[in-house]
PDB file of all heavy atoms in Angstrom:
ATOM      1  N   GLU A   1      -7.864  48.884  -8.925  1.00  0.00           N
ATOM      2  CA  GLU A   1      -7.169  49.946  -9.655  1.00  0.00           C
ATOM      3  C   GLU A   1      -5.959  49.399 -10.398  1.00  0.00           C
ATOM      4  O   GLU A   1      -5.685  49.801 -11.524  1.00  0.00           O
ATOM      5  CB  GLU A   1      -6.750  51.050  -8.689  1.00  0.00           C
ATOM      6  CG  GLU A   1      -6.065  52.239  -9.373  1.00  0.00           C
ATOM      7  CD  GLU A   1      -5.732  53.356  -8.421  1.00  0.00           C
ATOM      8  OE1 GLU A   1      -6.135  53.274  -7.236  1.00  0.00           O
ATOM      9  OE2 GLU A   1      -5.058  54.323  -8.852  1.00  0.00           O
ATOM     10  N   ARG A   2      -5.223  48.482  -9.766  1.00  0.00           N
ATOM     11  CA  ARG A   2      -4.013  47.950 -10.380  1.00  0.00           C
ATOM     12  C   ARG A   2      -4.284  46.899 -11.438  1.00  0.00           C
ATOM     13  O   ARG A   2      -3.710  46.906 -12.528  1.00  0.00           O
ATOM     14  CB  ARG A   2      -3.114  47.368  -9.289  1.00  0.00           C
ATOM     15  CG  ARG A   2      -1.893  46.594  -9.797  1.00  0.00           C
ATOM     16  CD  ARG A   2      -0.883  47.508 -10.520  1.00  0.00           C
ATOM     17  NE  ARG A   2       0.191  46.739 -11.118  1.00  0.00           N
ATOM     18  CZ  ARG A   2       1.307  46.371 -10.471  1.00  0.00           C
ATOM     19  NH1 ARG A   2       1.462  46.727  -9.195  1.00  0.00           N
ATOM     20  NH2 ARG A   2       2.227  45.701 -11.091  1.00  0.00           N
ATOM     21  N   PHE A   3      -5.217  45.976 -11.131  1.00  0.00           N
ATOM     22  CA  PHE A   3      -5.409  44.828 -12.009  1.00  0.00           C
ATOM     23  C   PHE A   3      -6.742  44.802 -12.749  1.00  0.00           C
ATOM     24  O   PHE A   3      -6.917  44.039 -13.694  1.00  0.00           O
ATOM     25  CB  PHE A   3      -5.271  43.527 -11.209  1.00  0.00           C
ATOM     26  CG  PHE A   3      -3.918  43.353 -10.569  1.00  0.00           C
ATOM     27  CD1 PHE A   3      -3.774  43.514  -9.193  1.00  0.00           C
ATOM     28  CD2 PHE A   3      -2.800  43.062 -11.328  1.00  0.00           C
ATOM     29  CE1 PHE A   3      -2.534  43.351  -8.600  1.00  0.00           C
ATOM     30  CE2 PHE A   3      -1.557  42.906 -10.731  1.00  0.00           C
ATOM     31  CZ  PHE A   3      -1.419  43.043  -9.375  1.00  0.00           C
ATOM     32  N   GLY A   4      -7.720  45.601 -12.271  1.00  0.00           N
ATOM     33  CA  GLY A   4      -8.995  45.690 -12.955  1.00  0.00           C
ATOM     34  C   GLY A   4      -9.976  44.552 -12.686  1.00  0.00           C
ATOM     35  O   GLY A   4     -11.099  44.561 -13.192  1.00  0.00           O
ATOM     36  N   ARG A   5      -9.569  43.585 -11.870  1.00  0.00           N
ATOM     37  CA  ARG A   5     -10.436  42.441 -11.604  1.00  0.00           C
ATOM     38  C   ARG A   5      -9.956  41.712 -10.352  1.00  0.00           C
ATOM     39  O   ARG A   5      -8.791  41.809  -9.965  1.00  0.00           O
ATOM     40  CB  ARG A   5     -10.445  41.491 -12.799  1.00  0.00           C
ATOM     41  CG  ARG A   5      -9.062  40.956 -13.132  1.00  0.00           C
ATOM     42  CD  ARG A   5      -9.034  40.207 -14.456  1.00  0.00           C
ATOM     43  NE  ARG A   5      -9.727  38.912 -14.377  1.00  0.00           N
ATOM     44  CZ  ARG A   5      -9.981  38.157 -15.415  1.00  0.00           C
ATOM     45  NH1 ARG A   5      -9.663  38.574 -16.644  1.00  0.00           N
ATOM     46  NH2 ARG A   5     -10.597  36.980 -15.284  1.00  0.00           N
ATOM     47  N   ILE A   6     -10.876  40.974  -9.737  1.00  0.00           N
ATOM     48  CA  ILE A   6     -10.544  40.088  -8.622  1.00  0.00           C
ATOM     49  C   ILE A   6     -11.244  38.763  -8.882  1.00  0.00           C
ATOM     50  O   ILE A   6     -12.484  38.697  -8.906  1.00  0.00           O
ATOM     51  CB  ILE A   6     -10.986  40.655  -7.263  1.00  0.00           C
ATOM     52  CG1 ILE A   6     -10.297  41.993  -6.984  1.00  0.00           C
ATOM     53  CG2 ILE A   6     -10.656  39.658  -6.141  1.00  0.00           C
ATOM     54  CD1 ILE A   6     -10.868  42.721  -5.762  1.00  0.00           C
ATOM     55  N   ASP A   7     -10.484  37.737  -9.115  1.00  0.00           N
ATOM     56  CA  ASP A   7     -11.045  36.418  -9.418  1.00  0.00           C
ATOM     57  C   ASP A   7     -11.066  35.501  -8.231  1.00  0.00           C
ATOM     58  O   ASP A   7     -11.906  34.595  -8.135  1.00  0.00           O
ATOM     59  CB  ASP A   7     -10.238  35.776 -10.551  1.00  0.00           C
ATOM     60  CG  ASP A   7     -10.258  36.607 -11.825  1.00  0.00           C
ATOM     61  OD1 ASP A   7     -11.251  36.504 -12.571  1.00  0.00           O
ATOM     62  OD2 ASP A   7      -9.308  37.387 -12.042  1.00  0.00           O
ATOM     63  N   ALA A   8     -10.091  35.673  -7.326  1.00  0.00           N
ATOM     64  CA  ALA A   8     -10.012  34.779  -6.178  1.00  0.00           C
ATOM     65  C   ALA A   8      -9.512  35.560  -4.960  1.00  0.00           C
ATOM     66  O   ALA A   8      -8.729  36.491  -5.078  1.00  0.00           O
ATOM     67  CB  ALA A   8      -9.086  33.610  -6.463  1.00  0.00           C
ATOM     68  N   LEU A   9      -9.992  35.130  -3.806  1.00  0.00           N
ATOM     69  CA  LEU A   9      -9.539  35.667  -2.520  1.00  0.00           C
ATOM     70  C   LEU A   9      -9.136  34.495  -1.648  1.00  0.00           C
ATOM     71  O   LEU A   9      -9.893  33.536  -1.495  1.00  0.00           O
ATOM     72  CB  LEU A   9     -10.667  36.436  -1.829  1.00  0.00           C
ATOM     73  CG  LEU A   9     -10.449  36.761  -0.351  1.00  0.00           C
ATOM     74  CD1 LEU A   9      -9.327  37.791  -0.170  1.00  0.00           C
ATOM     75  CD2 LEU A   9     -11.752  37.253   0.289  1.00  0.00           C
ATOM     76  N   LEU A  10      -7.930  34.577  -1.101  1.00  0.00           N
ATOM     77  CA  LEU A  10      -7.459  33.558  -0.166  1.00  0.00           C
ATOM     78  C   LEU A  10      -7.333  34.205   1.200  1.00  0.00           C
ATOM     79  O   LEU A  10      -6.499  35.076   1.407  1.00  0.00           O
ATOM     80  CB  LEU A  10      -6.096  33.003  -0.600  1.00  0.00           C
ATOM     81  CG  LEU A  10      -5.935  32.605  -2.070  1.00  0.00           C
ATOM     82  CD1 LEU A  10      -4.555  31.988  -2.285  1.00  0.00           C
ATOM     83  CD2 LEU A  10      -7.042  31.671  -2.507  1.00  0.00           C
ATOM     84  N   ASN A  11      -8.159  33.776   2.124  1.00  0.00           N
ATOM     85  CA  ASN A  11      -8.132  34.307   3.495  1.00  0.00           C
ATOM     86  C   ASN A  11      -7.166  33.475   4.323  1.00  0.00           C
ATOM     87  O   ASN A  11      -7.556  32.531   5.031  1.00  0.00           O
ATOM     88  CB  ASN A  11      -9.545  34.273   4.104  1.00  0.00           C
ATOM     89  CG  ASN A  11     -10.426  35.361   3.530  1.00  0.00           C
ATOM     90  OD1 ASN A  11     -10.044  36.530   3.467  1.00  0.00           O
ATOM     91  ND2 ASN A  11     -11.613  34.979   3.093  1.00  0.00           N
ATOM     92  N   VAL A  12      -5.882  33.838   4.236  1.00  0.00           N
ATOM     93  CA  VAL A  12      -4.836  33.097   4.926  1.00  0.00           C
ATOM     94  C   VAL A  12      -4.459  33.746   6.245  1.00  0.00           C
ATOM     95  O   VAL A  12      -4.055  33.076   7.190  1.00  0.00           O
ATOM     96  CB  VAL A  12      -3.574  32.973   4.022  1.00  0.00           C
ATOM     97  CG1 VAL A  12      -2.483  32.159   4.712  1.00  0.00           C
ATOM     98  CG2 VAL A  12      -3.940  32.357   2.683  1.00  0.00           C
ATOM     99  N   ALA A  13      -4.603  35.056   6.349  1.00  0.00           N
ATOM    100  CA  ALA A  13      -4.218  35.780   7.576  1.00  0.00           C
ATOM    101  C   ALA A  13      -4.907  35.176   8.775  1.00  0.00           C
ATOM    102  O   ALA A  13      -6.095  34.889   8.765  1.00  0.00           O
ATOM    103  CB  ALA A  13      -4.580  37.248   7.440  1.00  0.00           C
ATOM    104  N   GLY A  14      -4.152  34.962   9.855  1.00  0.00           N
ATOM    105  CA  GLY A  14      -4.700  34.410  11.066  1.00  0.00           C
ATOM    106  C   GLY A  14      -3.652  33.632  11.830  1.00  0.00           C
ATOM    107  O   GLY A  14      -2.477  33.624  11.479  1.00  0.00           O
ATOM    108  N   GLY A  15      -4.061  32.977  12.903  1.00  0.00           N
ATOM    109  CA  GLY A  15      -3.121  32.199  13.678  1.00  0.00           C
ATOM    110  C   GLY A  15      -3.692  31.828  15.025  1.00  0.00           C
ATOM    111  O   GLY A  15      -4.790  32.237  15.409  1.00  0.00           O
ATOM    112  N   SER A  16      -2.918  31.040  15.762  1.00  0.00           N
ATOM    113  CA  SER A  16      -3.350  30.626  17.100  1.00  0.00           C
ATOM    114  C   SER A  16      -3.183  31.772  18.090  1.00  0.00           C
ATOM    115  O   SER A  16      -3.907  31.881  19.047  1.00  0.00           O
ATOM    116  CB  SER A  16      -2.553  29.407  17.568  1.00  0.00           C
ATOM    117  OG  SER A  16      -1.166  29.684  17.537  1.00  0.00           O
ATOM    118  N   TYR A  17      -2.196  32.541  17.876  1.00  0.00           N
ATOM    119  CA  TYR A  17      -2.069  33.856  18.482  1.00  0.00           C
ATOM    120  C   TYR A  17      -1.107  34.587  17.566  1.00  0.00           C
ATOM    121  O   TYR A  17      -0.400  33.982  16.787  1.00  0.00           O
ATOM    122  CB  TYR A  17      -1.533  33.804  19.919  1.00  0.00           C
ATOM    123  CG  TYR A  17      -0.184  33.154  20.096  1.00  0.00           C
ATOM    124  CD1 TYR A  17       0.952  33.923  20.282  1.00  0.00           C
ATOM    125  CD2 TYR A  17      -0.052  31.779  20.085  1.00  0.00           C
ATOM    126  CE1 TYR A  17       2.196  33.329  20.437  1.00  0.00           C
ATOM    127  CE2 TYR A  17       1.182  31.182  20.259  1.00  0.00           C
ATOM    128  CZ  TYR A  17       2.306  31.964  20.439  1.00  0.00           C
ATOM    129  OH  TYR A  17       3.515  31.378  20.608  1.00  0.00           O
ATOM    130  N   SER A  18      -1.144  35.891  17.587  1.00  0.00           N
ATOM    131  CA  SER A  18      -0.459  36.618  16.545  1.00  0.00           C
ATOM    132  C   SER A  18       1.048  36.375  16.569  1.00  0.00           C
ATOM    133  O   SER A  18       1.699  36.581  17.593  1.00  0.00           O
ATOM    134  CB  SER A  18      -0.740  38.120  16.654  1.00  0.00           C
ATOM    135  OG  SER A  18      -0.125  38.793  15.584  1.00  0.00           O
ATOM    136  N   ARG A  19       1.606  35.951  15.428  1.00  0.00           N
ATOM    137  CA  ARG A  19       3.047  35.854  15.263  1.00  0.00           C
ATOM    138  C   ARG A  19       3.608  37.183  14.780  1.00  0.00           C
ATOM    139  O   ARG A  19       4.794  37.301  14.508  1.00  0.00           O
ATOM    140  CB  ARG A  19       3.395  34.764  14.244  1.00  0.00           C
ATOM    141  CG  ARG A  19       2.833  33.408  14.616  1.00  0.00           C
ATOM    142  CD  ARG A  19       3.183  32.393  13.545  1.00  0.00           C
ATOM    143  NE  ARG A  19       2.470  31.147  13.780  1.00  0.00           N
ATOM    144  CZ  ARG A  19       2.519  30.090  12.993  1.00  0.00           C
ATOM    145  NH1 ARG A  19       3.279  30.122  11.913  1.00  0.00           N
ATOM    146  NH2 ARG A  19       1.857  29.000  13.268  1.00  0.00           N
ATOM    147  N   ASN A  20       2.753  38.144  14.618  1.00  0.00           N
ATOM    148  CA  ASN A  20       3.103  39.395  13.989  1.00  0.00           C
ATOM    149  C   ASN A  20       2.895  40.536  14.971  1.00  0.00           C
ATOM    150  O   ASN A  20       1.771  40.773  15.422  1.00  0.00           O
ATOM    151  CB  ASN A  20       2.213  39.578  12.753  1.00  0.00           C
ATOM    152  CG  ASN A  20       2.622  40.769  11.916  1.00  0.00           C
ATOM    153  OD1 ASN A  20       3.162  41.734  12.411  1.00  0.00           O
ATOM    154  ND2 ASN A  20       2.352  40.691  10.629  1.00  0.00           N
ATOM    155  N   PRO A  21       3.948  41.269  15.343  1.00  0.00           N
ATOM    156  CA  PRO A  21       3.801  42.334  16.336  1.00  0.00           C
ATOM    157  C   PRO A  21       2.884  43.460  15.892  1.00  0.00           C
ATOM    158  O   PRO A  21       2.448  44.268  16.734  1.00  0.00           O
ATOM    159  CB  PRO A  21       5.236  42.831  16.538  1.00  0.00           C
ATOM    160  CG  PRO A  21       5.959  42.432  15.292  1.00  0.00           C
ATOM    161  CD  PRO A  21       5.327  41.151  14.855  1.00  0.00           C
ATOM    162  N   GLU A  22       2.560  43.539  14.590  1.00  0.00           N
ATOM    163  CA  GLU A  22       1.686  44.606  14.119  1.00  0.00           C
ATOM    164  C   GLU A  22       0.220  44.181  14.082  1.00  0.00           C
ATOM    165  O   GLU A  22      -0.644  44.974  13.748  1.00  0.00           O
ATOM    166  CB  GLU A  22       2.136  45.072  12.733  1.00  0.00           C
ATOM    167  CG  GLU A  22       3.517  45.723  12.754  1.00  0.00           C
ATOM    168  CD  GLU A  22       3.807  46.478  11.464  1.00  0.00           C
ATOM    169  OE1 GLU A  22       2.868  46.976  10.844  1.00  0.00           O
ATOM    170  OE2 GLU A  22       4.995  46.549  11.095  1.00  0.00           O
ATOM    171  N   MET A  23      -0.056  42.939  14.408  1.00  0.00           N
ATOM    172  CA  MET A  23      -1.439  42.479  14.491  1.00  0.00           C
ATOM    173  C   MET A  23      -1.854  42.434  15.963  1.00  0.00           C
ATOM    174  O   MET A  23      -1.009  42.436  16.850  1.00  0.00           O
ATOM    175  CB  MET A  23      -1.574  41.095  13.850  1.00  0.00           C
ATOM    176  CG  MET A  23      -1.408  41.097  12.332  1.00  0.00           C
ATOM    177  SD  MET A  23      -2.740  41.999  11.511  1.00  0.00           S
ATOM    178  CE  MET A  23      -4.085  40.821  11.685  1.00  0.00           C
ATOM    179  N   PRO A  24      -3.193  42.376  16.221  1.00  0.00           N
ATOM    180  CA  PRO A  24      -3.627  42.361  17.616  1.00  0.00           C
ATOM    181  C   PRO A  24      -2.981  41.218  18.416  1.00  0.00           C
ATOM    182  O   PRO A  24      -2.939  40.083  17.962  1.00  0.00           O
ATOM    183  CB  PRO A  24      -5.151  42.133  17.479  1.00  0.00           C
ATOM    184  CG  PRO A  24      -5.482  42.661  16.121  1.00  0.00           C
ATOM    185  CD  PRO A  24      -4.285  42.358  15.271  1.00  0.00           C
ATOM    186  N   ALA A  25      -2.456  41.550  19.571  1.00  0.00           N
ATOM    187  CA  ALA A  25      -1.765  40.557  20.399  1.00  0.00           C
ATOM    188  C   ALA A  25      -2.760  39.913  21.349  1.00  0.00           C
ATOM    189  O   ALA A  25      -3.500  40.597  22.065  1.00  0.00           O
ATOM    190  CB  ALA A  25      -0.629  41.218  21.176  1.00  0.00           C
ATOM    191  N   VAL A  26      -2.796  38.581  21.348  1.00  0.00           N
ATOM    192  CA  VAL A  26      -3.653  37.859  22.282  1.00  0.00           C
ATOM    193  C   VAL A  26      -2.824  36.763  22.938  1.00  0.00           C
ATOM    194  O   VAL A  26      -1.811  36.310  22.413  1.00  0.00           O
ATOM    195  CB  VAL A  26      -4.865  37.221  21.566  1.00  0.00           C
ATOM    196  CG1 VAL A  26      -5.759  38.292  20.989  1.00  0.00           C
ATOM    197  CG2 VAL A  26      -4.404  36.277  20.461  1.00  0.00           C
ATOM    198  N   GLN A  27      -3.259  36.370  24.107  1.00  0.00           N
ATOM    199  CA  GLN A  27      -2.555  35.340  24.872  1.00  0.00           C
ATOM    200  C   GLN A  27      -3.280  33.993  24.748  1.00  0.00           C
ATOM    201  O   GLN A  27      -4.507  33.966  24.614  1.00  0.00           O
ATOM    202  CB  GLN A  27      -2.467  35.735  26.345  1.00  0.00           C
ATOM    203  CG  GLN A  27      -1.716  37.031  26.585  1.00  0.00           C
ATOM    204  CD  GLN A  27      -0.279  36.935  26.155  1.00  0.00           C
ATOM    205  OE1 GLN A  27       0.415  35.956  26.437  1.00  0.00           O
ATOM    206  NE2 GLN A  27       0.204  37.973  25.466  1.00  0.00           N
ATOM    207  N   ARG A  28      -2.530  32.905  24.778  1.00  0.00           N
ATOM    208  CA  ARG A  28      -3.124  31.585  24.801  1.00  0.00           C
ATOM    209  C   ARG A  28      -3.232  31.101  26.248  1.00  0.00           C
ATOM    210  O   ARG A  28      -2.466  31.531  27.112  1.00  0.00           O
ATOM    211  CB  ARG A  28      -2.292  30.596  23.990  1.00  0.00           C
ATOM    212  CG  ARG A  28      -2.279  30.896  22.518  1.00  0.00           C
ATOM    213  CD  ARG A  28      -1.814  29.717  21.701  1.00  0.00           C
ATOM    214  NE  ARG A  28      -0.450  29.321  21.986  1.00  0.00           N
ATOM    215  CZ  ARG A  28       0.202  28.370  21.297  1.00  0.00           C
ATOM    216  NH1 ARG A  28      -0.410  27.746  20.305  1.00  0.00           N
ATOM    217  NH2 ARG A  28       1.440  28.051  21.621  1.00  0.00           N
ATOM    218  N   GLY A  29      -4.154  30.191  26.490  1.00  0.00           N
ATOM    219  CA  GLY A  29      -4.292  29.623  27.810  1.00  0.00           C
ATOM    220  C   GLY A  29      -5.464  28.682  27.850  1.00  0.00           C
ATOM    221  O   GLY A  29      -6.205  28.530  26.884  1.00  0.00           O
ATOM    222  N   THR A  30      -5.654  28.028  28.995  1.00  0.00           N
ATOM    223  CA  THR A  30      -6.843  27.206  29.170  1.00  0.00           C
ATOM    224  C   THR A  30      -8.053  28.119  29.264  1.00  0.00           C
ATOM    225  O   THR A  30      -7.937  29.336  29.455  1.00  0.00           O
ATOM    226  CB  THR A  30      -6.743  26.357  30.440  1.00  0.00           C
ATOM    227  OG1 THR A  30      -6.770  27.246  31.583  1.00  0.00           O
ATOM    228  CG2 THR A  30      -5.442  25.531  30.454  1.00  0.00           C
ATOM    229  N   LEU A  31      -9.239  27.546  29.158  1.00  0.00           N
ATOM    230  CA  LEU A  31     -10.449  28.353  29.182  1.00  0.00           C
ATOM    231  C   LEU A  31     -10.577  29.144  30.486  1.00  0.00           C
ATOM    232  O   LEU A  31     -11.041  30.294  30.476  1.00  0.00           O
ATOM    233  CB  LEU A  31     -11.686  27.467  28.983  1.00  0.00           C
ATOM    234  CG  LEU A  31     -11.832  26.890  27.570  1.00  0.00           C
ATOM    235  CD1 LEU A  31     -12.973  25.880  27.538  1.00  0.00           C
ATOM    236  CD2 LEU A  31     -12.076  27.999  26.555  1.00  0.00           C
ATOM    237  N   LEU A  32     -10.146  28.571  31.603  1.00  0.00           N
ATOM    238  CA  LEU A  32     -10.254  29.294  32.869  1.00  0.00           C
ATOM    239  C   LEU A  32      -9.225  30.403  32.963  1.00  0.00           C
ATOM    240  O   LEU A  32      -9.404  31.349  33.736  1.00  0.00           O
ATOM    241  CB  LEU A  32     -10.083  28.318  34.054  1.00  0.00           C
ATOM    242  CG  LEU A  32     -11.242  27.361  34.302  1.00  0.00           C
ATOM    243  CD1 LEU A  32     -10.925  26.424  35.471  1.00  0.00           C
ATOM    244  CD2 LEU A  32     -12.541  28.136  34.564  1.00  0.00           C
ATOM    245  N   GLU A  33      -8.163  30.310  32.204  1.00  0.00           N
ATOM    246  CA  GLU A  33      -7.110  31.329  32.241  1.00  0.00           C
ATOM    247  C   GLU A  33      -7.363  32.476  31.282  1.00  0.00           C
ATOM    248  O   GLU A  33      -6.836  33.573  31.459  1.00  0.00           O
ATOM    249  CB  GLU A  33      -5.759  30.694  31.890  1.00  0.00           C
ATOM    250  CG  GLU A  33      -5.264  29.678  32.912  1.00  0.00           C
ATOM    251  CD  GLU A  33      -4.069  28.881  32.388  1.00  0.00           C
ATOM    252  OE1 GLU A  33      -3.918  28.766  31.155  1.00  0.00           O
ATOM    253  OE2 GLU A  33      -3.309  28.380  33.228  1.00  0.00           O
ATOM    254  N   LEU A  34      -8.181  32.249  30.257  1.00  0.00           N
ATOM    255  CA  LEU A  34      -8.355  33.246  29.214  1.00  0.00           C
ATOM    256  C   LEU A  34      -9.248  34.404  29.678  1.00  0.00           C
ATOM    257  O   LEU A  34     -10.297  34.179  30.276  1.00  0.00           O
ATOM    258  CB  LEU A  34      -8.987  32.614  27.979  1.00  0.00           C
ATOM    259  CG  LEU A  34      -8.081  31.761  27.089  1.00  0.00           C
ATOM    260  CD1 LEU A  34      -8.921  31.079  26.017  1.00  0.00           C
ATOM    261  CD2 LEU A  34      -6.989  32.617  26.449  1.00  0.00           C
ATOM    262  N   SER A  35      -8.828  35.605  29.341  1.00  0.00           N
ATOM    263  CA  SER A  35      -9.708  36.760  29.528  1.00  0.00           C
ATOM    264  C   SER A  35     -10.688  36.819  28.356  1.00  0.00           C
ATOM    265  O   SER A  35     -10.409  36.264  27.288  1.00  0.00           O
ATOM    266  CB  SER A  35      -8.891  38.040  29.573  1.00  0.00           C
ATOM    267  OG  SER A  35      -8.347  38.319  28.279  1.00  0.00           O
ATOM    268  N   PRO A  36     -11.814  37.470  28.526  1.00  0.00           N
ATOM    269  CA  PRO A  36     -12.745  37.627  27.394  1.00  0.00           C
ATOM    270  C   PRO A  36     -12.086  38.326  26.211  1.00  0.00           C
ATOM    271  O   PRO A  36     -12.363  37.980  25.055  1.00  0.00           O
ATOM    272  CB  PRO A  36     -13.865  38.496  27.988  1.00  0.00           C
ATOM    273  CG  PRO A  36     -13.831  38.217  29.437  1.00  0.00           C
ATOM    274  CD  PRO A  36     -12.370  38.033  29.779  1.00  0.00           C
ATOM    275  N   GLU A  37     -11.191  39.268  26.508  1.00  0.00           N
ATOM    276  CA  GLU A  37     -10.514  39.989  25.405  1.00  0.00           C
ATOM    277  C   GLU A  37      -9.609  39.048  24.619  1.00  0.00           C
ATOM    278  O   GLU A  37      -9.557  39.124  23.388  1.00  0.00           O
ATOM    279  CB  GLU A  37      -9.705  41.148  25.991  1.00  0.00           C
ATOM    280  CG  GLU A  37     -10.513  42.269  26.600  1.00  0.00           C
ATOM    281  CD  GLU A  37     -11.101  41.921  27.958  1.00  0.00           C
ATOM    282  OE1 GLU A  37     -10.589  40.981  28.619  1.00  0.00           O
ATOM    283  OE2 GLU A  37     -12.078  42.587  28.366  1.00  0.00           O
ATOM    284  N   ASP A  38      -8.889  38.164  25.309  1.00  0.00           N
ATOM    285  CA  ASP A  38      -8.027  37.235  24.602  1.00  0.00           C
ATOM    286  C   ASP A  38      -8.842  36.206  23.825  1.00  0.00           C
ATOM    287  O   ASP A  38      -8.478  35.823  22.706  1.00  0.00           O
ATOM    288  CB  ASP A  38      -7.077  36.528  25.575  1.00  0.00           C
ATOM    289  CG  ASP A  38      -5.969  37.430  26.069  1.00  0.00           C
ATOM    290  OD1 ASP A  38      -5.547  38.305  25.300  1.00  0.00           O
ATOM    291  OD2 ASP A  38      -5.526  37.271  27.217  1.00  0.00           O
ATOM    292  N   PHE A  39      -9.933  35.732  24.422  1.00  0.00           N
ATOM    293  CA  PHE A  39     -10.767  34.749  23.734  1.00  0.00           C
ATOM    294  C   PHE A  39     -11.330  35.326  22.440  1.00  0.00           C
ATOM    295  O   PHE A  39     -11.238  34.723  21.370  1.00  0.00           O
ATOM    296  CB  PHE A  39     -11.906  34.287  24.643  1.00  0.00           C
ATOM    297  CG  PHE A  39     -12.730  33.176  24.055  1.00  0.00           C
ATOM    298  CD1 PHE A  39     -12.303  31.853  24.123  1.00  0.00           C
ATOM    299  CD2 PHE A  39     -13.928  33.457  23.434  1.00  0.00           C
ATOM    300  CE1 PHE A  39     -13.076  30.828  23.571  1.00  0.00           C
ATOM    301  CE2 PHE A  39     -14.706  32.431  22.875  1.00  0.00           C
ATOM    302  CZ  PHE A  39     -14.267  31.128  22.959  1.00  0.00           C
ATOM    303  N   MET A  40     -11.908  36.530  22.529  1.00  0.00           N
ATOM    304  CA  MET A  40     -12.513  37.136  21.349  1.00  0.00           C
ATOM    305  C   MET A  40     -11.474  37.681  20.393  1.00  0.00           C
ATOM    306  O   MET A  40     -11.726  37.798  19.190  1.00  0.00           O
ATOM    307  CB  MET A  40     -13.487  38.251  21.777  1.00  0.00           C
ATOM    308  CG  MET A  40     -14.688  37.757  22.557  1.00  0.00           C
ATOM    309  SD  MET A  40     -15.561  36.390  21.743  1.00  0.00           S
ATOM    310  CE  MET A  40     -16.054  37.156  20.193  1.00  0.00           C
ATOM    311  N   GLY A  41     -10.276  38.003  20.911  1.00  0.00           N
ATOM    312  CA  GLY A  41      -9.216  38.507  20.036  1.00  0.00           C
ATOM    313  C   GLY A  41      -8.826  37.493  18.977  1.00  0.00           C
ATOM    314  O   GLY A  41      -8.491  37.849  17.846  1.00  0.00           O
ATOM    315  N   VAL A  42      -8.865  36.202  19.315  1.00  0.00           N
ATOM    316  CA  VAL A  42      -8.539  35.168  18.333  1.00  0.00           C
ATOM    317  C   VAL A  42      -9.590  35.136  17.233  1.00  0.00           C
ATOM    318  O   VAL A  42      -9.277  34.868  16.073  1.00  0.00           O
ATOM    319  CB  VAL A  42      -8.409  33.800  19.029  1.00  0.00           C
ATOM    320  CG1 VAL A  42      -7.983  32.723  18.046  1.00  0.00           C
ATOM    321  CG2 VAL A  42      -7.404  33.857  20.164  1.00  0.00           C
TER     322      VAL A  42
END
């Protein structure tokens, strides 16, 4: 609506765990420490 075209998309959003309180919060840990929710949350 604003520009009439999209020529490129940069998928930059992401991280090792969210640095942003408004994005889904996940915990880091070793594989034995991770819950399925934290693993899939990443």
